[in-house]
Amino acid sequence: MPSLTIYPNPVGDLLNFQVRGEPLAQYATFRVVSLEGKAMWETGQVNVQATVAVSVAGWPAGTYFLQCLENGAVICSEKFVNQ
């Protein structure tokens, strides 16, 4: 099963993540949601062999979840804090 590596955590301006473990299907997508379930960021395919950077500047301070989805189902998730 794939897993997500997030850094730094807590985040200041830029969230970096990498996918580890099993390769993802071509149709995998990523999103960040708040504790309330509000989608803050979403993307389609990304080069999962590289580090992906997401700007969180301007987002409210709090706890968020980076999710990896295949066919609309969350297959892995990692929690992070935005300062």
Protein backbone atom coordinates (compact mmCIF):
# COMPACT_ATOMS: atom_id res chain seq x y z
CA MET A 1 0.00 0.00 0.00
CA PRO A 2 1.29 3.48 -0.79
CA SER A 3 2.01 5.99 1.95
CA LEU A 4 2.55 9.74 2.03
CA THR A 5 5.59 11.51 3.41
CA ILE A 6 4.93 15.15 4.37
CA TYR A 7 7.42 17.82 5.35
CA PRO A 8 7.79 20.13 7.08
CA ASN A 9 5.12 19.45 9.65
CA PRO A 10 3.94 21.87 10.94
CA VAL A 11 3.86 23.77 7.65
CA GLY A 12 4.59 27.46 7.19
CA ASP A 13 4.12 28.40 3.53
CA LEU A 14 4.89 25.33 1.42
CA LEU A 15 3.79 21.73 2.00
CA ASN A 16 6.03 19.14 0.36
CA PHE A 17 4.97 15.54 -0.11
CA GLN A 18 6.15 12.32 -1.69
CA VAL A 19 4.45 8.99 -2.28
CA ARG A 20 6.25 5.92 -0.97
CA GLY A 21 5.56 2.23 -1.31
CA GLU A 22 3.40 0.66 -4.01
CA PRO A 23 3.11 2.48 -7.33
CA LEU A 24 -0.10 4.41 -7.84
CA ALA A 25 -2.54 3.88 -10.67
CA GLN A 26 -2.61 6.47 -13.45
CA TYR A 27 -5.95 7.77 -12.23
CA ALA A 28 -4.80 8.62 -8.69
CA THR A 29 -5.60 12.12 -7.49
CA PHE A 30 -4.58 14.15 -4.44
CA ARG A 31 -6.46 16.62 -2.27
CA VAL A 32 -6.11 18.52 0.97
CA VAL A 33 -9.16 18.78 3.22
CA SER A 34 -9.72 20.66 6.45
CA LEU A 35 -11.03 19.05 9.63
CA GLU A 36 -14.47 20.27 8.59
CA GLY A 37 -14.16 18.37 5.29
CA LYS A 38 -13.69 21.44 3.09
CA ALA A 39 -11.49 20.73 0.06
CA MET A 40 -8.64 23.27 0.08
CA TRP A 41 -6.60 21.91 -2.85
CA GLU A 42 -7.01 19.18 -5.42
CA THR A 43 -5.03 17.93 -8.37
CA GLY A 44 -5.09 15.22 -10.95
CA GLN A 45 -2.05 13.27 -11.97
CA VAL A 46 1.29 14.38 -10.63
CA ASN A 47 4.77 12.96 -11.03
CA VAL A 48 4.77 10.83 -7.90
CA GLN A 49 8.45 10.01 -8.39
CA ALA A 50 9.27 13.60 -7.45
CA THR A 51 8.49 15.84 -4.50
CA VAL A 52 5.24 17.76 -4.96
CA ALA A 53 4.96 21.24 -3.42
CA VAL A 54 1.65 22.85 -2.46
CA SER A 55 1.36 26.47 -1.35
CA VAL A 56 -0.65 26.76 1.87
CA ALA A 57 0.07 30.48 2.28
CA GLY A 58 -3.11 32.29 3.25
CA TRP A 59 -4.88 29.18 4.54
CA PRO A 60 -6.29 29.43 8.07
CA ALA A 61 -4.12 27.92 10.80
CA GLY A 62 -5.30 24.45 11.72
CA THR A 63 -5.19 20.75 11.02
CA TYR A 64 -5.54 19.36 7.49
CA PHE A 65 -5.36 16.00 5.75
CA LEU A 66 -3.51 15.25 2.54
CA GLN A 67 -5.37 12.41 0.83
CA CYS A 68 -4.49 10.15 -2.06
CA LEU A 69 -7.50 8.79 -3.93
CA GLU A 70 -8.00 6.08 -6.53
CA ASN A 71 -11.41 5.90 -8.23
CA GLY A 72 -12.70 8.44 -5.71
CA ALA A 73 -11.78 6.32 -2.67
CA VAL A 74 -9.13 7.46 -0.17
CA ILE A 75 -6.30 4.91 -0.19
CA CYS A 76 -3.93 6.80 2.11
CA SER A 77 -4.01 9.98 4.14
CA GLU A 78 -1.58 11.99 6.26
CA LYS A 79 -2.35 14.71 8.79
CA PHE A 80 -0.47 18.01 8.94
CA VAL A 81 -0.73 21.31 10.79
CA ASN A 82 -0.67 24.69 9.07
CA GLN A 83 0.73 27.44 11.30
